[in-house]
Protein backbone atom coordinates (compact mmCIF):
# COMPACT_ATOMS: atom_id res chain seq x y z
CA UNK A 1 0.08 -0.01 0.03
CA UNK A 2 1.37 3.43 -0.87
CA UNK A 3 1.64 6.14 1.62
CA UNK A 4 -1.56 8.04 0.29
CA UNK A 5 -3.56 4.89 0.85
CA UNK A 6 -2.70 4.99 4.71
CA UNK A 7 -4.09 8.63 4.79
CA UNK A 8 -7.03 7.56 3.05
CA UNK A 9 -7.67 4.79 5.56
CA UNK A 10 -7.40 7.57 8.39
CA UNK A 11 -10.03 9.51 6.58
CA UNK A 12 -12.38 6.64 6.07
CA UNK A 13 -11.88 5.62 9.84
CA UNK A 14 -12.46 9.19 11.16
CA UNK A 15 -15.68 9.34 9.11
CA UNK A 16 -16.87 6.04 10.60
CA UNK A 17 -16.14 7.25 14.02
CA UNK A 18 -17.94 10.46 13.63
CA UNK A 19 -20.95 8.66 12.10
CA UNK A 20 -21.09 6.45 15.12
CA UNK A 21 -20.78 9.50 17.49
CA UNK A 22 -23.69 11.09 15.65
CA UNK A 23 -25.86 7.78 15.69
CA UNK A 24 -25.13 7.34 19.36
CA UNK A 25 -26.25 11.00 20.08
CA UNK A 26 -29.30 11.28 17.78
CA UNK A 27 -30.45 7.68 17.72
CA UNK A 28 -29.56 6.17 21.00
CA UNK A 29 -30.04 9.55 22.86
CA UNK A 30 -26.49 9.50 24.53
CA UNK A 31 -25.82 12.99 25.13
CA UNK A 32 -22.05 13.88 24.78
CA UNK A 33 -20.23 15.69 27.63
CA UNK A 34 -17.92 18.63 26.78
CA UNK A 35 -14.90 16.33 26.82
CA UNK A 36 -16.56 14.06 24.33
CA UNK A 37 -17.31 17.03 22.04
CA UNK A 38 -13.65 18.15 22.16
CA UNK A 39 -12.64 14.62 21.21
CA UNK A 40 -15.01 14.78 18.24
CA UNK A 41 -13.52 17.84 16.99
CA UNK A 42 -10.07 16.26 17.20
CA UNK A 43 -11.30 13.20 15.24
CA UNK A 44 -12.69 15.75 12.56
CA UNK A 45 -9.32 17.57 12.41
CA UNK A 46 -7.37 14.46 12.27
CA UNK A 47 -9.63 13.27 9.27
CA UNK A 48 -9.63 16.75 7.63
CA UNK A 49 -5.82 16.91 7.68
CA UNK A 50 -5.54 13.40 6.53
CA UNK A 51 -7.80 14.24 3.57
CA UNK A 52 -6.07 17.26 2.75
CA UNK A 53 -2.51 15.72 2.67
CA UNK A 54 -3.90 12.85 0.61
CA UNK A 55 -5.20 15.34 -1.94
CA UNK A 56 -1.72 17.00 -2.37
CA UNK A 57 0.06 15.48 -5.46
CA UNK A 58 2.79 13.23 -4.88
CA UNK A 59 5.49 15.44 -6.42
CA UNK A 60 6.24 17.28 -3.15
CA UNK A 61 8.64 15.24 -1.15
CA UNK A 62 7.65 16.75 2.14
CA UNK A 63 3.94 15.77 2.09
CA UNK A 64 4.63 12.50 4.00
CA UNK A 65 6.53 14.06 6.72
CA UNK A 66 4.21 17.08 6.79
CA UNK A 67 1.16 14.77 6.93
CA UNK A 68 2.65 12.81 9.87
CA UNK A 69 3.30 16.02 11.83
CA UNK A 70 0.09 17.63 11.08
CA UNK A 71 -1.97 14.52 11.82
CA UNK A 72 -0.11 14.03 15.07
CA UNK A 73 -0.85 17.58 16.44
CA UNK A 74 -4.82 17.01 16.63
CA UNK A 75 -4.31 13.29 17.47
CA UNK A 76 -2.14 14.26 20.57
CA UNK A 77 -4.55 16.75 21.89
CA UNK A 78 -7.50 14.37 21.26
CA UNK A 79 -5.43 11.65 23.01
CA UNK A 80 -4.73 13.96 25.85
CA UNK A 81 -8.41 14.95 26.21
CA UNK A 82 -9.51 11.43 26.01
CA UNK A 83 -7.01 10.26 28.65
CA UNK A 84 -8.15 13.15 30.95
CA UNK A 85 -11.86 11.92 30.57
CA UNK A 86 -10.65 8.43 31.64
CA UNK A 87 -8.94 9.99 34.60
CA UNK A 88 -12.12 11.86 35.64
CA UNK A 89 -14.16 8.71 35.18
CA UNK A 90 -11.86 6.76 37.43
CA UNK A 91 -12.05 9.43 40.36
CA UNK A 92 -14.02 8.20 43.54
CA UNK A 93 -17.52 9.82 43.35
CA UNK A 94 -16.56 12.16 46.31
CA UNK A 95 -13.72 13.86 44.01
CA UNK A 96 -15.73 14.15 40.92
CA UNK A 97 -16.09 17.55 39.82
CA UNK A 98 -19.63 19.16 40.04
CA UNK A 99 -21.70 19.31 36.99
CA UNK A 100 -21.27 22.57 35.19
CA UNK A 101 -23.18 24.69 32.73
CA UNK A 102 -23.85 23.19 29.33
CA UNK A 103 -21.17 23.63 26.62
CA UNK A 104 -23.47 25.97 24.66
CA UNK A 105 -24.00 28.51 27.51
CA UNK A 106 -20.11 28.41 28.36
CA UNK A 107 -19.30 29.16 24.57
CA UNK A 108 -21.64 32.11 24.57
CA UNK A 109 -20.59 33.53 27.83
CA UNK A 110 -16.77 32.53 28.43
CA UNK A 111 -13.62 33.90 26.59
CA UNK A 112 -12.02 30.99 24.57
CA UNK A 113 -9.21 30.50 27.00
CA UNK A 114 -11.72 30.26 29.97
CA UNK A 115 -13.89 28.01 27.97
CA UNK A 116 -11.03 25.59 27.17
CA UNK A 117 -9.76 25.72 30.84
CA UNK A 118 -13.31 24.94 32.16
CA UNK A 119 -14.01 22.20 29.80
CA UNK A 120 -10.68 20.52 30.36
CA UNK A 121 -10.84 20.58 33.95
CA UNK A 122 -14.03 18.30 33.57
CA UNK A 123 -17.45 18.27 35.11
CA UNK A 124 -19.90 15.55 36.67
CA UNK A 125 -21.33 14.53 33.39
CA UNK A 126 -17.80 13.59 31.91
CA UNK A 127 -17.47 11.23 34.79
CA UNK A 128 -20.38 8.96 33.41
CA UNK A 129 -18.73 5.87 31.84
CA UNK A 130 -20.49 4.80 28.67
CA UNK A 131 -19.24 1.47 26.98
CA UNK A 132 -19.03 0.15 23.42
CA UNK A 133 -18.35 -3.72 23.43
CA UNK A 134 -17.49 -3.46 27.10
CA UNK A 135 -14.69 -0.74 26.66
CA UNK A 136 -15.17 2.82 27.96
CA UNK A 137 -15.62 5.25 24.97
CA UNK A 138 -12.66 7.63 26.13
CA UNK A 139 -10.51 4.37 25.52
CA UNK A 140 -11.87 3.98 22.19
CA UNK A 141 -11.08 7.45 21.30
CA UNK A 142 -7.58 6.94 22.61
CA UNK A 143 -7.04 4.00 20.52
CA UNK A 144 -8.02 6.06 17.42
CA UNK A 145 -5.72 8.91 18.19
CA UNK A 146 -2.79 6.19 18.70
CA UNK A 147 -3.98 4.58 15.51
CA UNK A 148 -4.02 7.70 13.42
CA UNK A 149 -0.59 8.76 14.80
CA UNK A 150 0.97 5.38 14.08
CA UNK A 151 -0.65 5.16 10.57
CA UNK A 152 0.40 8.70 9.65
CA UNK A 153 4.11 7.92 10.56
CA UNK A 154 3.76 4.70 8.79
CA UNK A 155 2.57 6.39 5.80
CA UNK A 156 5.54 8.69 5.88
CA UNK A 157 7.82 5.81 6.18
CA UNK A 158 6.36 3.99 3.14
CA UNK A 159 6.43 7.29 1.11
CA UNK A 160 10.24 7.69 1.37
CA UNK A 161 12.35 6.58 -1.35
CA UNK A 162 13.70 3.00 -0.79
CA UNK A 163 17.24 3.11 0.57
CA UNK A 164 19.23 -0.05 0.39
CA UNK A 165 20.76 0.07 3.89
CA UNK A 166 17.93 1.82 5.59
CA UNK A 167 19.75 5.07 6.23
């Protein structure tokens, strides 16, 4: 498989994850918490960057490395958010932060820096554990972000010219 095919695979997996997230929200009536929404934004960013990089012609030698770096940035952010949510979910009930206002309200009233800080500190609704196939959803998110980083760097590796001795 060429390096571009790995980028297209990231795009497809990102789209499937977003379709599943929207299905769980609108059909299964599972309301996402603020940390879940931020993870969705990171999934969309990973997919969008992979799509843009897959569409760039092969003539440019830095596309593979640029794709790996640019995909890794939102993936690492998403990974840290997923791990933060899993940490909050593991807290004893007495230490779980209180539920705060909804994300819509915070977006309309707080400056961006305060909004991000408030969301990342977590709230009570972020401590609710929802499962898919017996695994908490933030773990699935974390696995996707690790997968995306690995695939992006593997795509870069595969797009490099063959060198006889690996140098």
